[in-house]
Amino acid sequence: MKIKAIVIAPYPGLSELTLSLQNELQEFEIVVEHGDLSRVLPLIGRIHTEGYDVIISRGGTAKLLQKHSYLPVVEIPISGFDILRILTLAKGYNAKCEMIGFPNIIEGFMSVSSLMEVDISYTVIHQEQEAGAALADAKARGIQVVIGDSITVKMAAESGLQGVLITSGKESLMEAFSRAGQLYKSSEKLKSKNEMYEAMLGKLQGGYAAVDQGGRLEFSNPSFKHLLKLPQTADTLYTMYPGLREMLRDAARGADFDGVTAVYEPEQGLYVQAQVLPGADERQLYMLVASEEKPEHSGLAASYLLAEAPYFSHQEEGGQKTDSLAYPAAVYGEKGSGRKRYVINASLSESRDGILYLNIRKSSEEVLKAVMELMLYGGGRITAIEGTEILSPKQQRELAEFIIKRKMKTVFLFDKDPEVLAAEERLAGKLLRSFQNRSTPLPALRDTAWLERSIRACLIWTNERQGKQIAGIRGDVMDVLLAQPWQGNFTELRTVMELFVSSAEGAFIEREALGMLEEGSRKARRGLAPVPGREGLNLYQPLENIEQDIIRTVLEQENMNQSLAAKRLGINRSTLWRKLKEN
């Protein structure tokens, strides 16, 4: 197969020379287009659609093409023979001569002219727009002959000066085609390797992508787009996942999202890891790895939560708005009770970009260091931290000292009253004192006076997400929902409503939907399963006591159903019964 090359010739003579050499360039399919700097940009769009492998041009035209085209551009060099020929011609003029041009043209002439003792001056320009001023200055200094490229020579003639065009000979053109052939063969080998790597990545179960700082996808395998539910034509992440913008900003500042820290994307329930890729150009590229499973070595999950309108709020009918927060602060309540949303609502006036949510899952010095670094990278960003009680007392004191010294805007999230955690020796006194008198309890959903309003608002919100037009909920269904204990609070309500709306065929949620209520409740409670060290699980006690706490917690989440609890624990019912009896 021949190499399809287009030659952009800035002057007619180059077109003629190229066409005359076609018999010597059998490996190329050559198209010649006349175009100087003023015409090259309109040509680029057409060049890109006509399937060329390489572009060949020279001077300022080649430089402009390199800047605006993704195709390889080979510049026709100025050979030693070309320089000698032009300088010999200039030496024969009985007039003051000056060469005006771009650095890549001028530099060779300057070296040779001094050796040949040719009396010629030089003016270097970097943009086409500078040529007019350079010519005016040359004319004012008594220059009569201007040597330059096609644009400069044309403008010189318009100014009443004689112009001498720097042309390229056969040797220079043949060298350009030789380089073009080598470049094409190298790029084909690289292209073949890239196709092989892409095919290999396409077979992997995990989602892999390369993105730039603007969130534009340079590459993504099918699994990545499937996991993030991206359209096949999607070329940017920020449209659907604006929170990832902050993630990449932190990665650029030095955040390590490939080790102890993973980013959790709550909308799709995905973990995303990132690392900086070495780039050959000026753009910064990142490799993203998406998975539904928590990375094995991750002890910290970070989420960038945006301040989007919630479908619920913590205020009575006609009551006051959520109070703004003073820092450090604490918010506590049952899982799923809307602690993160409360923080976002309370901080809207300070943080229109939302908050950084950090969920500590392991106690280690590496995790503590990662927490502090992410808080520093965010500058004045508000950070909500959950799982602080997992850290050792020493680590908790270090964190408290760091937050107080740096005046970090921090909100701690707990499943129960921090005073109770301190009494259980799970919360260090220094950390507790850092937010004392700035602790806000949140009621469970079942205890609120606005439960029905939240149910109806959740229906509206789910309609919007699923593109449905459910008009309402039948009265008997609403009565059951109002009597539901909602142990998973708003998280459980959202999960149940998603099942109801997705299965609804008419304009209302009918009684038949109640068959999915237990399924949705169980699914939500499993998603809220405690991380070891939280939800009343005290690690500072004997092993047999920890085991009993785990069994009790799982039983409560499964509504005391021993069969389901045993299945989750990976033991049979008789073993579970024996362990309960021992207690």
Protein backbone atom coordinates (compact mmCIF):
# COMPACT_ATOMS: atom_id res chain seq x y z
CA MET A 1 0.00 0.00 0.00
CA LYS A 2 1.33 3.42 -0.97
CA ILE A 3 1.92 6.21 1.52
CA LYS A 4 -0.66 8.91 0.90
CA ALA A 5 1.16 12.25 1.15
CA ILE A 6 -0.02 15.80 0.55
CA VAL A 7 2.51 18.50 -0.25
CA ILE A 8 1.48 22.03 0.72
CA ALA A 9 3.60 24.15 -1.60
CA PRO A 10 3.99 27.81 -0.57
CA TYR A 11 5.11 28.81 -4.08
CA PRO A 12 4.30 27.44 -7.59
CA GLY A 13 7.84 26.28 -8.31
CA LEU A 14 7.70 23.79 -5.45
CA SER A 15 4.51 22.31 -6.91
CA GLU A 16 6.17 21.86 -10.28
CA LEU A 17 9.29 20.30 -8.75
CA THR A 18 7.23 17.83 -6.70
CA LEU A 19 5.18 16.70 -9.69
CA SER A 20 8.34 16.22 -11.75
CA LEU A 21 9.74 13.78 -9.18
CA GLN A 22 6.73 11.44 -8.96
CA ASN A 23 8.43 8.72 -11.02
CA GLU A 24 11.27 8.62 -8.47
CA LEU A 25 8.82 8.41 -5.54
CA GLN A 26 6.92 5.22 -6.40
CA GLU A 27 6.09 4.33 -2.77
CA PHE A 28 4.05 7.54 -2.43
CA GLU A 29 0.63 8.59 -3.67
CA ILE A 30 1.25 12.33 -3.96
CA VAL A 31 -1.26 15.18 -3.96
CA VAL A 32 0.07 18.73 -4.35
CA GLU A 33 -1.85 21.73 -2.99
CA HIS A 34 -0.68 25.30 -3.39
CA GLY A 35 -1.05 27.22 -0.15
CA ASP A 36 0.97 29.69 1.90
CA LEU A 37 0.44 30.82 5.52
CA SER A 38 -2.72 32.74 4.65
CA ARG A 39 -4.44 29.67 3.13
CA VAL A 40 -3.21 26.78 5.26
CA LEU A 41 -5.74 26.85 8.14
CA PRO A 42 -8.83 26.53 5.91
CA LEU A 43 -7.15 23.52 4.26
CA ILE A 44 -6.63 21.53 7.48
CA GLY A 45 -10.24 20.36 7.89
CA ARG A 46 -10.30 18.91 4.37
CA ILE A 47 -6.86 17.33 4.78
CA HIS A 48 -8.04 15.49 7.89
CA THR A 49 -11.07 14.01 6.13
CA GLU A 50 -9.25 12.77 3.01
CA GLY A 51 -7.17 10.05 4.67
CA TYR A 52 -3.62 11.37 4.27
CA ASP A 53 -0.79 9.66 6.10
CA VAL A 54 1.66 12.56 6.14
CA ILE A 55 1.91 16.27 5.26
CA ILE A 56 5.02 17.78 3.62
CA SER A 57 5.64 21.53 3.56
CA ARG A 58 8.29 24.09 4.44
CA GLY A 59 9.08 27.24 6.39
CA GLY A 60 6.37 29.03 8.32
CA THR A 61 3.67 27.00 6.54
CA ALA A 62 5.13 23.75 7.95
CA LYS A 63 5.34 25.25 11.46
CA LEU A 64 1.69 26.31 11.33
CA LEU A 65 0.61 22.87 10.13
CA GLN A 66 2.54 21.19 12.97
CA LYS A 67 0.68 23.34 15.46
CA HIS A 68 -2.84 22.70 14.12
CA SER A 69 -2.78 19.19 12.60
CA TYR A 70 -2.65 15.82 14.36
CA LEU A 71 -1.04 14.29 11.24
CA PRO A 72 2.76 14.04 11.09
CA VAL A 73 4.22 17.07 9.29
CA VAL A 74 7.63 16.82 7.60
CA GLU A 75 9.40 20.10 6.93
CA ILE A 76 11.35 20.43 3.69
CA PRO A 77 14.83 21.43 4.84
CA ILE A 78 16.99 24.17 3.41
CA SER A 79 20.01 22.24 2.15
CA GLY A 80 23.57 23.50 2.05
CA PHE A 81 23.25 23.71 -1.71
CA ASP A 82 20.11 25.88 -1.38
CA ILE A 83 21.94 28.26 0.97
CA LEU A 84 25.00 28.55 -1.29
CA ARG A 85 22.82 29.19 -4.31
CA ILE A 86 20.78 31.97 -2.64
CA LEU A 87 23.84 33.66 -1.07
CA THR A 88 25.74 33.54 -4.36
CA LEU A 89 22.74 35.20 -5.99
CA ALA A 90 22.60 37.86 -3.25
CA LYS A 91 26.34 38.52 -3.55
CA GLY A 92 25.84 39.45 -7.18
CA TYR A 93 23.35 42.21 -6.35
CA ASN A 94 24.81 45.69 -6.34
CA ALA A 95 22.31 46.75 -3.65
CA LYS A 96 21.73 46.51 0.12
CA CYS A 97 20.19 43.12 0.91
CA GLU A 98 18.40 41.80 3.98
CA MET A 99 16.93 38.42 4.79
CA ILE A 100 13.63 38.40 6.73
CA GLY A 101 12.20 35.09 7.91
CA PHE A 102 11.49 32.56 10.61
CA PRO A 103 14.34 31.19 12.75
CA ASN A 104 14.37 27.79 11.06
CA ILE A 105 15.13 29.52 7.72
CA ILE A 106 17.48 32.27 8.91
CA GLU A 107 19.90 30.32 11.14
CA GLY A 108 21.63 28.30 8.37
CA PHE A 109 22.10 31.38 6.20
CA MET A 110 23.68 33.40 9.00
CA SER A 111 26.45 30.83 9.55
CA VAL A 112 27.31 30.36 5.88
CA SER A 113 27.13 34.06 4.90
CA SER A 114 29.89 34.97 7.36
CA LEU A 115 32.14 32.31 5.83
CA MET A 116 31.39 33.55 2.30
CA GLU A 117 31.85 37.19 3.37
CA VAL A 118 28.45 38.11 1.96
CA ASP A 119 27.32 41.51 3.19
CA ILE A 120 23.73 40.81 4.18
CA SER A 121 21.69 41.71 7.25
CA TYR A 122 19.05 39.55 8.95
CA THR A 123 15.74 40.11 10.74
CA VAL A 124 14.14 37.17 12.53
CA ILE A 125 10.36 37.08 12.84
CA HIS A 126 8.24 34.56 14.77
CA GLN A 127 4.78 35.29 13.39
CA GLU A 128 3.46 36.24 9.96
CA GLN A 129 2.03 39.46 11.40
CA GLU A 130 5.56 40.70 12.20
CA ALA A 131 6.60 40.70 8.54
CA GLY A 132 4.96 44.05 7.73
CA ALA A 133 6.78 45.93 10.49
CA ALA A 134 10.08 44.23 9.61
CA LEU A 135 9.73 45.29 5.96
CA ALA A 136 8.87 48.87 6.90
CA ASP A 137 11.94 49.02 9.14
CA ALA A 138 14.15 47.55 6.38
CA LYS A 139 12.90 50.08 3.87
CA ALA A 140 13.57 52.93 6.31
CA ARG A 141 17.16 51.69 6.67
CA GLY A 142 17.68 51.81 2.89
CA ILE A 143 17.34 48.11 2.17
CA GLN A 144 16.57 47.51 -1.50
CA VAL A 145 16.45 43.71 -1.82
CA VAL A 146 14.58 41.44 0.60
CA ILE A 147 15.23 37.70 0.69
CA GLY A 148 12.53 35.57 2.33
CA ASP A 149 9.65 33.14 1.99
CA SER A 150 6.67 33.55 -0.32
CA ILE A 151 4.63 35.75 2.06
CA THR A 152 7.58 38.05 2.82
CA VAL A 153 8.54 38.37 -0.87
CA LYS A 154 4.94 39.15 -1.82
CA MET A 155 4.69 41.86 0.85
CA ALA A 156 8.08 43.24 -0.17
CA ALA A 157 6.86 43.75 -3.73
CA GLU A 158 3.78 45.56 -2.42
CA SER A 159 6.14 47.86 -0.47
CA GLY A 160 8.18 48.72 -3.56
CA LEU A 161 11.13 46.49 -2.66
CA GLN A 162 12.68 43.75 -4.80
CA GLY A 163 12.05 40.28 -3.41
CA VAL A 164 14.12 37.13 -3.78
CA LEU A 165 12.35 33.91 -2.87
CA ILE A 166 14.19 31.24 -0.90
CA THR A 167 13.46 28.07 -2.85
CA SER A 168 14.14 24.39 -2.17
CA GLY A 169 15.97 22.24 -4.69
CA LYS A 170 15.55 18.60 -5.64
CA GLU A 171 17.94 17.38 -2.91
CA SER A 172 15.90 19.04 -0.16
CA LEU A 173 12.61 17.71 -1.46
CA MET A 174 13.95 14.16 -1.83
CA GLU A 175 15.29 14.30 1.73
CA ALA A 176 11.84 15.38 2.97
CA PHE A 177 10.16 12.44 1.24
CA SER A 178 12.79 10.07 2.65
CA ARG A 179 12.05 11.31 6.17
CA ALA A 180 8.32 11.05 5.50
CA GLY A 181 8.72 7.40 4.50
CA GLN A 182 10.71 6.60 7.64
CA LEU A 183 8.21 8.45 9.83
CA TYR A 184 5.29 6.58 8.26
CA LYS A 185 6.89 3.17 8.80
CA SER A 186 7.70 4.00 12.42
CA SER A 187 4.18 5.30 13.05
CA GLU A 188 2.67 2.16 11.49
CA LYS A 189 4.70 -0.03 13.86
CA LEU A 190 3.58 2.12 16.78
CA LYS A 191 -0.01 2.02 15.57
CA SER A 192 0.13 -1.78 15.36
CA LYS A 193 1.43 -1.97 18.94
CA ASN A 194 -1.25 0.42 20.16
CA GLU A 195 -3.96 -1.67 18.52
CA MET A 196 -2.56 -4.77 20.23
CA TYR A 197 -2.51 -3.04 23.63
CA GLU A 198 -6.03 -1.69 23.14
CA ALA A 199 -7.25 -5.16 22.21
CA MET A 200 -5.64 -6.57 25.37
CA LEU A 201 -7.18 -3.85 27.56
CA GLY A 202 -10.53 -4.46 25.90
CA LYS A 203 -10.49 -8.05 27.17
CA LEU A 204 -9.94 -7.03 30.80
CA GLN A 205 -12.88 -7.00 33.19
CA GLY A 206 -11.76 -3.82 34.93
CA GLY A 207 -12.37 -0.38 33.45
CA TYR A 208 -9.27 1.40 32.14
CA ALA A 209 -9.05 4.88 30.65
CA ALA A 210 -6.57 7.65 29.88
CA VAL A 211 -7.83 11.21 30.34
CA ASP A 212 -6.33 14.68 30.24
CA GLN A 213 -6.75 17.48 32.79
CA GLY A 214 -9.92 18.60 31.01
CA GLY A 215 -11.53 15.20 31.53
CA ARG A 216 -11.29 14.33 27.84
CA LEU A 217 -11.01 10.63 27.12
CA GLU A 218 -7.87 9.77 25.16
CA PHE A 219 -8.65 6.07 25.50
CA SER A 220 -11.15 3.90 27.34
CA ASN A 221 -11.83 0.19 27.13
CA PRO A 222 -15.45 -1.07 26.83
CA SER A 223 -15.56 -2.05 30.52
CA PHE A 224 -14.77 1.53 31.60
CA LYS A 225 -17.64 3.01 29.60
CA HIS A 226 -19.96 0.23 30.76
CA LEU A 227 -19.14 0.69 34.44
CA LEU A 228 -19.53 4.47 34.29
CA LYS A 229 -22.57 4.16 31.99
CA LEU A 230 -20.96 6.47 29.44
CA PRO A 231 -22.42 6.71 25.92
CA GLN A 232 -20.17 5.12 23.29
CA THR A 233 -19.70 8.57 21.75
CA ALA A 234 -18.70 10.20 25.06
CA ASP A 235 -15.38 12.03 24.91
CA THR A 236 -15.35 13.71 28.34
CA LEU A 237 -16.03 12.58 31.90
CA TYR A 238 -16.98 15.91 33.44
CA THR A 239 -20.43 16.09 31.83
CA MET A 240 -21.70 13.09 33.83
CA TYR A 241 -19.12 13.12 36.63
CA PRO A 242 -18.18 16.73 37.42
CA GLY A 243 -16.78 15.66 40.79
CA LEU A 244 -13.90 13.91 39.02
CA ARG A 245 -12.59 17.35 38.02
CA GLU A 246 -11.56 17.93 41.65
CA MET A 247 -10.06 14.45 41.80
CA LEU A 248 -7.75 15.14 38.85
CA ARG A 249 -6.82 18.53 40.28
CA ASP A 250 -5.74 16.83 43.50
CA ALA A 251 -3.87 14.17 41.50
CA ALA A 252 -2.01 16.97 39.69
CA ARG A 253 -1.09 18.45 43.10
CA GLY A 254 0.43 15.14 44.16
CA ALA A 255 -2.43 13.11 45.64
CA ASP A 256 -1.81 9.35 45.46
CA PHE A 257 -4.97 7.67 44.18
CA ASP A 258 -3.16 4.45 43.29
CA GLY A 259 -2.23 3.19 46.75
CA VAL A 260 -3.88 3.66 50.10
CA THR A 261 -6.55 6.03 48.72
CA ALA A 262 -9.26 5.23 46.18
CA VAL A 263 -11.98 7.59 44.97
CA TYR A 264 -15.52 6.31 45.50
CA GLU A 265 -18.12 7.46 42.97
CA PRO A 266 -21.43 7.16 44.86
CA GLU A 267 -23.79 7.55 41.89
CA GLN A 268 -22.63 4.29 40.27
CA GLY A 269 -21.13 2.64 43.34
CA LEU A 270 -17.65 2.52 41.77
CA TYR A 271 -14.12 2.87 43.01
CA VAL A 272 -11.76 4.87 40.81
CA GLN A 273 -7.98 4.91 41.11
CA ALA A 274 -5.75 7.36 39.26
CA GLN A 275 -2.10 7.85 38.53
CA VAL A 276 -0.20 10.39 36.47
CA LEU A 277 1.02 9.11 33.11
CA PRO A 278 4.30 10.32 31.62
CA GLY A 279 3.32 12.46 28.63
CA ALA A 280 5.29 13.20 25.48
CA ASP A 281 3.49 16.50 24.91
CA GLU A 282 2.59 19.43 27.14
CA ARG A 283 -0.69 17.91 28.32
CA GLN A 284 -0.91 16.06 31.62
CA LEU A 285 -2.48 12.62 31.21
CA TYR A 286 -3.90 10.31 33.87
CA MET A 287 -4.67 6.61 33.91
CA LEU A 288 -8.00 5.81 35.59
CA VAL A 289 -8.97 2.34 36.80
CA ALA A 290 -12.64 1.80 37.67
CA SER A 291 -13.99 -1.18 39.60
CA GLU A 292 -17.07 -2.20 41.56
CA GLU A 293 -14.80 -3.84 44.13
CA LYS A 294 -12.88 -1.88 46.75
CA PRO A 295 -9.15 -1.96 45.88
CA GLU A 296 -7.33 -4.50 48.02
CA HIS A 297 -4.85 -2.11 49.62
CA SER A 298 -7.17 0.87 49.95
CA GLY A 299 -7.72 2.09 53.51
CA LEU A 300 -9.32 5.40 52.58
CA ALA A 301 -12.19 6.18 50.23
CA ALA A 302 -12.52 9.75 48.96
CA SER A 303 -15.65 11.18 47.31
CA TYR A 304 -16.05 14.61 45.75
CA LEU A 305 -19.66 15.49 46.52
CA LEU A 306 -21.28 18.36 44.64
CA ALA A 307 -23.92 20.71 45.96
CA GLU A 308 -26.83 19.50 43.83
CA ALA A 309 -30.41 20.04 45.00
CA PRO A 310 -31.37 17.24 47.42
CA TYR A 311 -34.76 15.54 47.52
CA PHE A 312 -34.91 15.99 51.28
CA SER A 313 -33.78 18.50 53.88
CA HIS A 314 -33.40 18.53 57.63
CA GLN A 315 -36.01 21.11 58.57
CA GLU A 316 -39.56 21.10 59.82
CA GLU A 317 -42.42 22.30 57.65
CA GLY A 318 -42.06 26.07 57.61
CA GLY A 319 -39.00 25.80 59.85
CA GLN A 320 -35.65 27.53 59.64
CA LYS A 321 -33.01 26.63 57.13
CA THR A 322 -30.06 24.42 58.03
CA ASP A 323 -27.68 26.41 60.21
CA SER A 324 -24.26 27.24 58.84
CA LEU A 325 -21.38 25.41 60.50
CA ALA A 326 -18.47 26.57 62.64
CA TYR A 327 -15.37 24.41 62.35
CA PRO A 328 -14.35 21.85 63.44
CA ALA A 329 -17.83 20.40 63.86
CA ALA A 330 -19.54 17.03 64.18
CA VAL A 331 -22.76 15.62 62.77
CA TYR A 332 -24.10 12.30 64.01
CA GLY A 333 -27.03 10.05 63.24
CA GLU A 334 -27.92 6.62 61.95
CA LYS A 335 -26.46 5.40 58.69
CA GLY A 336 -28.33 6.77 55.71
CA SER A 337 -29.76 9.66 57.74
CA GLY A 338 -28.30 12.27 55.41
CA ARG A 339 -25.22 13.40 57.28
CA LYS A 340 -23.22 14.23 54.14
CA ARG A 341 -26.17 16.07 52.61
CA TYR A 342 -26.61 18.05 55.82
CA VAL A 343 -22.98 19.18 55.62
CA ILE A 344 -23.40 20.19 51.97
CA ASN A 345 -26.57 22.19 52.75
CA ALA A 346 -24.90 23.89 55.70
CA SER A 347 -21.79 24.82 53.70
CA LEU A 348 -23.41 26.03 50.47
CA SER A 349 -22.49 29.65 51.12
CA GLU A 350 -18.81 28.73 51.57
CA SER A 351 -18.34 25.85 49.12
CA ARG A 352 -20.37 26.02 45.93
CA ASP A 353 -18.21 23.22 44.54
CA GLY A 354 -19.36 20.81 47.26
CA ILE A 355 -17.25 18.97 49.81
CA LEU A 356 -14.54 16.34 50.03
CA TYR A 357 -15.84 13.28 51.86
CA LEU A 358 -13.24 10.95 53.35
CA ASN A 359 -14.26 7.52 54.64
CA ILE A 360 -11.54 5.95 56.80
CA ARG A 361 -11.60 2.16 56.50
CA LYS A 362 -8.31 1.13 58.09
CA SER A 363 -6.15 2.38 60.92
CA SER A 364 -2.60 3.06 59.73
CA GLU A 365 -0.04 5.84 59.51
CA GLU A 366 -0.36 5.73 55.70
CA VAL A 367 -4.10 6.38 55.92
CA LEU A 368 -3.63 9.25 58.38
CA LYS A 369 -0.98 10.81 56.10
CA ALA A 370 -3.29 10.48 53.07
CA VAL A 371 -6.13 12.19 54.97
CA MET A 372 -3.93 15.15 55.91
CA GLU A 373 -2.48 15.49 52.40
CA LEU A 374 -5.90 15.55 50.74
CA MET A 375 -7.08 18.20 53.17
CA LEU A 376 -4.02 20.32 52.40
CA TYR A 377 -4.43 19.92 48.63
CA GLY A 378 -7.98 21.24 48.92
CA GLY A 379 -6.89 24.53 50.46
CA GLY A 380 -10.05 26.08 51.90
CA ARG A 381 -12.26 23.18 50.82
CA ILE A 382 -14.62 21.73 53.41
CA THR A 383 -13.82 18.13 54.35
CA ALA A 384 -16.25 15.68 55.95
CA ILE A 385 -14.51 12.74 57.63
CA GLU A 386 -16.22 9.49 58.59
CA GLY A 387 -14.58 6.64 60.46
CA THR A 388 -12.29 8.69 62.69
CA GLU A 389 -13.03 6.33 65.57
CA ILE A 390 -11.22 3.56 63.67
CA LEU A 391 -7.92 5.38 64.11
CA SER A 392 -5.81 4.67 67.18
CA PRO A 393 -5.99 7.22 70.05
CA LYS A 394 -2.52 8.50 69.07
CA GLN A 395 -3.58 8.97 65.43
CA GLN A 396 -6.80 10.73 66.51
CA ARG A 397 -4.77 13.19 68.60
CA GLU A 398 -2.43 13.84 65.66
CA LEU A 399 -5.40 14.52 63.40
CA ALA A 400 -6.95 16.90 65.94
CA GLU A 401 -3.67 18.82 66.31
CA PHE A 402 -3.31 19.05 62.52
CA ILE A 403 -6.87 20.39 62.02
CA ILE A 404 -6.59 22.95 64.83
CA LYS A 405 -3.11 24.15 63.80
CA ARG A 406 -3.98 24.44 60.11
CA LYS A 407 -7.50 25.77 60.79
CA MET A 408 -8.97 23.20 58.42
CA LYS A 409 -12.71 23.36 57.71
CA THR A 410 -13.58 19.90 58.97
CA VAL A 411 -16.82 18.12 59.89
CA PHE A 412 -16.65 14.73 61.59
CA LEU A 413 -19.44 12.27 60.85
CA PHE A 414 -20.45 9.62 63.39
CA ASP A 415 -23.09 6.90 63.64
CA LYS A 416 -23.74 7.71 67.31
CA ASP A 417 -23.27 10.53 69.81
CA PRO A 418 -19.53 11.38 70.07
CA GLU A 419 -19.89 11.61 73.85
CA VAL A 420 -20.97 7.95 73.90
CA LEU A 421 -18.03 6.99 71.65
CA ALA A 422 -15.68 8.77 74.05
CA ALA A 423 -17.24 6.95 77.01
CA GLU A 424 -16.60 3.67 75.16
CA GLU A 425 -12.95 4.77 74.78
CA ARG A 426 -13.28 4.84 71.00
CA LEU A 427 -12.83 8.60 70.64
CA ALA A 428 -9.78 10.48 71.97
CA GLY A 429 -10.51 13.31 74.36
CA LYS A 430 -8.46 15.82 72.33
CA LEU A 431 -10.47 15.06 69.20
CA LEU A 432 -13.76 15.32 71.10
CA ARG A 433 -12.78 18.68 72.61
CA SER A 434 -11.89 20.05 69.15
CA PHE A 435 -15.60 20.17 68.19
CA GLN A 436 -17.30 20.20 71.60
CA ASN A 437 -20.49 22.31 71.64
CA ARG A 438 -20.48 22.14 67.83
CA SER A 439 -22.10 18.72 67.51
CA THR A 440 -25.41 18.30 65.62
CA PRO A 441 -27.68 15.24 65.98
CA LEU A 442 -29.80 14.17 63.00
CA PRO A 443 -33.07 12.32 63.54
CA ALA A 444 -33.80 8.96 61.96
CA LEU A 445 -36.19 9.21 59.02
CA ARG A 446 -38.90 7.30 60.89
CA ASP A 447 -38.79 9.89 63.69
CA THR A 448 -39.20 12.96 61.50
CA ALA A 449 -42.40 14.95 61.07
CA TRP A 450 -41.80 15.19 57.34
CA LEU A 451 -41.64 11.48 56.40
CA GLU A 452 -44.52 11.67 53.91
CA ARG A 453 -43.06 14.77 52.29
CA SER A 454 -39.71 12.99 51.93
CA ILE A 455 -41.40 9.97 50.30
CA ARG A 456 -43.17 12.18 47.75
CA ALA A 457 -40.03 14.23 47.09
CA CYS A 458 -38.06 11.01 46.59
CA LEU A 459 -40.64 9.90 43.99
CA ILE A 460 -40.17 13.16 42.07
CA TRP A 461 -36.38 12.84 42.24
CA THR A 462 -36.49 9.20 41.04
CA ASN A 463 -38.86 10.14 38.20
CA GLU A 464 -36.29 12.65 36.96
CA ARG A 465 -33.41 10.17 37.18
CA GLN A 466 -35.26 7.38 35.38
CA GLY A 467 -37.17 9.52 32.90
CA LYS A 468 -40.53 8.27 34.22
CA GLN A 469 -43.79 10.16 34.79
CA ILE A 470 -45.25 8.43 37.86
CA ALA A 471 -48.01 10.75 39.14
CA GLY A 472 -48.26 9.50 42.70
CA ILE A 473 -48.51 6.71 45.27
CA ARG A 474 -51.77 4.91 46.10
CA GLY A 475 -53.08 5.56 49.61
CA ASP A 476 -52.73 1.98 50.87
CA VAL A 477 -49.11 1.89 49.61
CA MET A 478 -48.37 5.19 51.34
CA ASP A 479 -49.80 3.83 54.62
CA VAL A 480 -47.37 0.89 54.48
CA LEU A 481 -44.45 3.20 53.67
CA LEU A 482 -45.32 5.48 56.58
CA ALA A 483 -45.32 2.47 58.93
CA GLN A 484 -41.99 1.16 57.59
CA PRO A 485 -39.17 1.40 60.21
CA TRP A 486 -36.69 2.63 57.56
CA GLN A 487 -33.64 1.30 59.37
CA GLY A 488 -31.53 2.45 56.41
CA ASN A 489 -33.18 5.89 56.49
CA PHE A 490 -32.91 7.99 53.30
CA THR A 491 -30.60 5.46 51.65
CA GLU A 492 -33.20 2.75 52.11
CA LEU A 493 -36.01 5.03 50.93
CA ARG A 494 -34.09 5.88 47.76
CA THR A 495 -33.31 2.21 47.01
CA VAL A 496 -36.94 1.16 47.53
CA MET A 497 -38.28 4.03 45.41
CA GLU A 498 -35.89 3.16 42.56
CA LEU A 499 -37.35 -0.37 42.51
CA PHE A 500 -40.94 0.91 42.70
CA VAL A 501 -40.54 3.46 39.89
CA SER A 502 -38.55 1.20 37.55
CA SER A 503 -41.21 -1.55 37.77
CA ALA A 504 -44.28 0.73 37.62
CA GLU A 505 -46.30 0.36 34.41
CA GLY A 506 -49.10 2.82 35.10
CA ALA A 507 -49.36 6.36 36.40
CA PHE A 508 -49.27 5.35 40.10
CA ILE A 509 -47.26 3.16 42.45
CA GLU A 510 -49.74 0.32 43.01
CA ARG A 511 -50.04 -2.20 45.85
CA GLU A 512 -48.18 -4.83 43.80
CA ALA A 513 -44.99 -2.81 44.28
CA LEU A 514 -44.99 -3.65 48.00
CA GLY A 515 -43.69 -7.10 47.07
CA MET A 516 -40.33 -5.41 46.40
CA LEU A 517 -40.25 -3.48 49.69
CA GLU A 518 -38.30 -6.11 51.63
CA GLU A 519 -35.91 -6.65 48.72
CA GLY A 520 -35.13 -2.93 48.54
CA SER A 521 -34.75 -2.63 52.30
CA ARG A 522 -32.37 -5.57 52.50
CA LYS A 523 -30.33 -4.29 49.54
CA ALA A 524 -29.95 -0.86 51.15
CA ARG A 525 -29.01 -2.24 54.56
CA ARG A 526 -26.35 -4.44 53.01
CA GLY A 527 -24.91 -1.38 51.32
CA LEU A 528 -24.78 0.28 54.74
CA ALA A 529 -23.00 -2.64 56.39
CA PRO A 530 -20.53 -1.29 58.95
CA VAL A 531 -16.81 -1.06 58.45
CA PRO A 532 -14.99 -2.98 61.21
CA GLY A 533 -14.49 -0.58 64.09
CA ARG A 534 -17.77 1.31 63.62
CA GLU A 535 -21.51 0.89 64.24
CA GLY A 536 -20.95 -0.13 67.86
CA LEU A 537 -18.18 -2.58 67.00
CA ASN A 538 -15.45 -2.01 69.57
CA LEU A 539 -12.09 -3.42 68.53
CA TYR A 540 -10.62 -2.70 71.96
CA GLN A 541 -12.14 -5.85 73.50
CA PRO A 542 -11.53 -9.63 73.47
CA LEU A 543 -11.95 -11.51 70.18
CA GLU A 544 -15.00 -13.48 71.34
CA ASN A 545 -16.77 -10.21 72.21
CA ILE A 546 -15.97 -8.75 68.77
CA GLU A 547 -17.42 -11.88 67.16
CA GLN A 548 -20.64 -11.55 69.15
CA ASP A 549 -20.96 -7.88 68.12
CA ILE A 550 -20.58 -8.83 64.46
CA ILE A 551 -23.23 -11.56 64.74
CA ARG A 552 -25.63 -9.20 66.50
CA THR A 553 -25.12 -6.46 63.89
CA VAL A 554 -25.73 -8.83 60.94
CA LEU A 555 -28.84 -10.27 62.61
CA GLU A 556 -30.25 -6.77 63.13
CA GLN A 557 -29.62 -5.89 59.49
CA GLU A 558 -31.41 -9.09 58.40
CA ASN A 559 -34.43 -8.40 60.68
CA MET A 560 -33.34 -11.29 63.00
CA ASN A 561 -33.65 -13.80 60.13
CA GLN A 562 -31.12 -16.46 61.16
CA SER A 563 -31.00 -18.15 57.73
CA LEU A 564 -30.06 -14.91 55.95
CA ALA A 565 -27.61 -13.94 58.70
CA ALA A 566 -25.88 -17.33 58.57
CA LYS A 567 -25.58 -17.08 54.80
CA ARG A 568 -23.92 -13.65 55.05
CA LEU A 569 -21.56 -14.84 57.79
CA GLY A 570 -20.57 -17.91 55.78
CA ILE A 571 -21.65 -20.41 58.43
CA ASN A 572 -24.57 -22.83 58.71
CA ARG A 573 -27.64 -22.21 60.90
CA SER A 574 -26.63 -24.75 63.55
CA THR A 575 -23.25 -23.04 64.02
CA LEU A 576 -24.97 -19.65 64.28
CA TRP A 577 -27.47 -21.07 66.81
CA ARG A 578 -24.62 -22.53 68.90
CA LYS A 579 -22.72 -19.22 68.95
CA LEU A 580 -25.89 -17.37 69.99
CA LYS A 581 -26.50 -19.91 72.76
CA GLU A 582 -22.90 -19.48 74.02
CA ASN A 583 -23.62 -15.81 74.41
